[in-house]
Amino acid sequence: MNAEFEYTVMQHRAHELRQQAAEHRRAREAARAARPERRHRSIFARMRAA
């Protein structure tokens, strides 16, 4: 392969990796937003809420 073609392939692969990273980041943010906010309530907080 010549150097210019290798560089073009490398750029394309880097672009794909950046897109995948952005998708993964969006998926993690969506999953984090879907979690209930009261994950670690103390026993006292649960008794007070009941």
C-alpha atoms as a PDB file:
ATOM      1  CA  MET A   1       0.000   0.000   0.000  1.00  0.00           C
ATOM      2  CA  ASN A   2       1.172   3.463  -0.611  1.00  0.00           C
ATOM      3  CA  ALA A   3       1.439   5.950   2.217  1.00  0.00           C
ATOM      4  CA  GLU A   4      -1.414   8.209   1.057  1.00  0.00           C
ATOM      5  CA  PHE A   5      -3.856   5.310   0.904  1.00  0.00           C
ATOM      6  CA  GLU A   6      -2.769   4.055   4.333  1.00  0.00           C
ATOM      7  CA  TYR A   7      -3.261   7.552   5.736  1.00  0.00           C
ATOM      8  CA  THR A   8      -6.753   7.764   4.214  1.00  0.00           C
ATOM      9  CA  VAL A   9      -7.691   4.357   5.662  1.00  0.00           C
ATOM     10  CA  MET A  10      -6.327   5.415   9.056  1.00  0.00           C
ATOM     11  CA  GLN A  11      -8.359   8.635   8.979  1.00  0.00           C
ATOM     12  CA  HIS A  12     -11.513   6.719   8.069  1.00  0.00           C
ATOM     13  CA  ARG A  13     -10.978   4.231  10.892  1.00  0.00           C
ATOM     14  CA  ALA A  14     -10.360   7.055  13.377  1.00  0.00           C
ATOM     15  CA  HIS A  15     -13.599   8.694  12.259  1.00  0.00           C
ATOM     16  CA  GLU A  16     -15.496   5.419  12.769  1.00  0.00           C
ATOM     17  CA  LEU A  17     -13.998   4.994  16.237  1.00  0.00           C
ATOM     18  CA  ARG A  18     -15.007   8.538  17.210  1.00  0.00           C
ATOM     19  CA  GLN A  19     -18.568   7.856  16.038  1.00  0.00           C
ATOM     20  CA  GLN A  20     -18.726   4.611  18.024  1.00  0.00           C
ATOM     21  CA  ALA A  21     -17.387   6.372  21.115  1.00  0.00           C
ATOM     22  CA  ALA A  22     -20.038   9.088  20.777  1.00  0.00           C
ATOM     23  CA  GLU A  23     -22.784   6.460  20.409  1.00  0.00           C
ATOM     24  CA  HIS A  24     -21.505   4.609  23.451  1.00  0.00           C
ATOM     25  CA  ARG A  25     -21.380   7.840  25.451  1.00  0.00           C
ATOM     26  CA  ARG A  26     -24.974   8.706  24.472  1.00  0.00           C
ATOM     27  CA  ALA A  27     -26.161   5.201  25.393  1.00  0.00           C
ATOM     28  CA  ARG A  28     -24.460   5.388  28.798  1.00  0.00           C
ATOM     29  CA  GLU A  29     -25.940   8.836  29.462  1.00  0.00           C
ATOM     30  CA  ALA A  30     -29.417   7.567  28.528  1.00  0.00           C
ATOM     31  CA  ALA A  31     -29.019   4.546  30.802  1.00  0.00           C
ATOM     32  CA  ARG A  32     -27.820   6.769  33.633  1.00  0.00           C
ATOM     33  CA  ALA A  33     -30.820   9.079  33.165  1.00  0.00           C
ATOM     34  CA  ALA A  34     -33.219   6.110  33.236  1.00  0.00           C
ATOM     35  CA  ARG A  35     -31.961   4.867  36.618  1.00  0.00           C
ATOM     36  CA  PRO A  36     -33.987   5.775  39.651  1.00  0.00           C
ATOM     37  CA  GLU A  37     -32.344   8.552  41.612  1.00  0.00           C
ATOM     38  CA  ARG A  38     -32.939   6.953  45.017  1.00  0.00           C
ATOM     39  CA  ARG A  39     -30.476   4.106  44.644  1.00  0.00           C
ATOM     40  CA  HIS A  40     -28.867   4.259  48.093  1.00  0.00           C
ATOM     41  CA  ARG A  41     -31.477   5.400  50.560  1.00  0.00           C
ATOM     42  CA  SER A  42     -30.672   4.783  54.163  1.00  0.00           C
ATOM     43  CA  ILE A  43     -32.957   2.775  56.382  1.00  0.00           C
ATOM     44  CA  PHE A  44     -33.919   5.943  58.239  1.00  0.00           C
ATOM     45  CA  ALA A  45     -34.861   7.695  55.013  1.00  0.00           C
ATOM     46  CA  ARG A  46     -36.994   4.706  53.991  1.00  0.00           C
ATOM     47  CA  MET A  47     -38.765   4.650  57.354  1.00  0.00           C
ATOM     48  CA  ARG A  48     -39.341   8.399  57.242  1.00  0.00           C
ATOM     49  CA  ALA A  49     -40.794   8.159  53.695  1.00  0.00           C
ATOM     50  CA  ALA A  50     -43.183   5.329  54.640  1.00  0.00           C
END
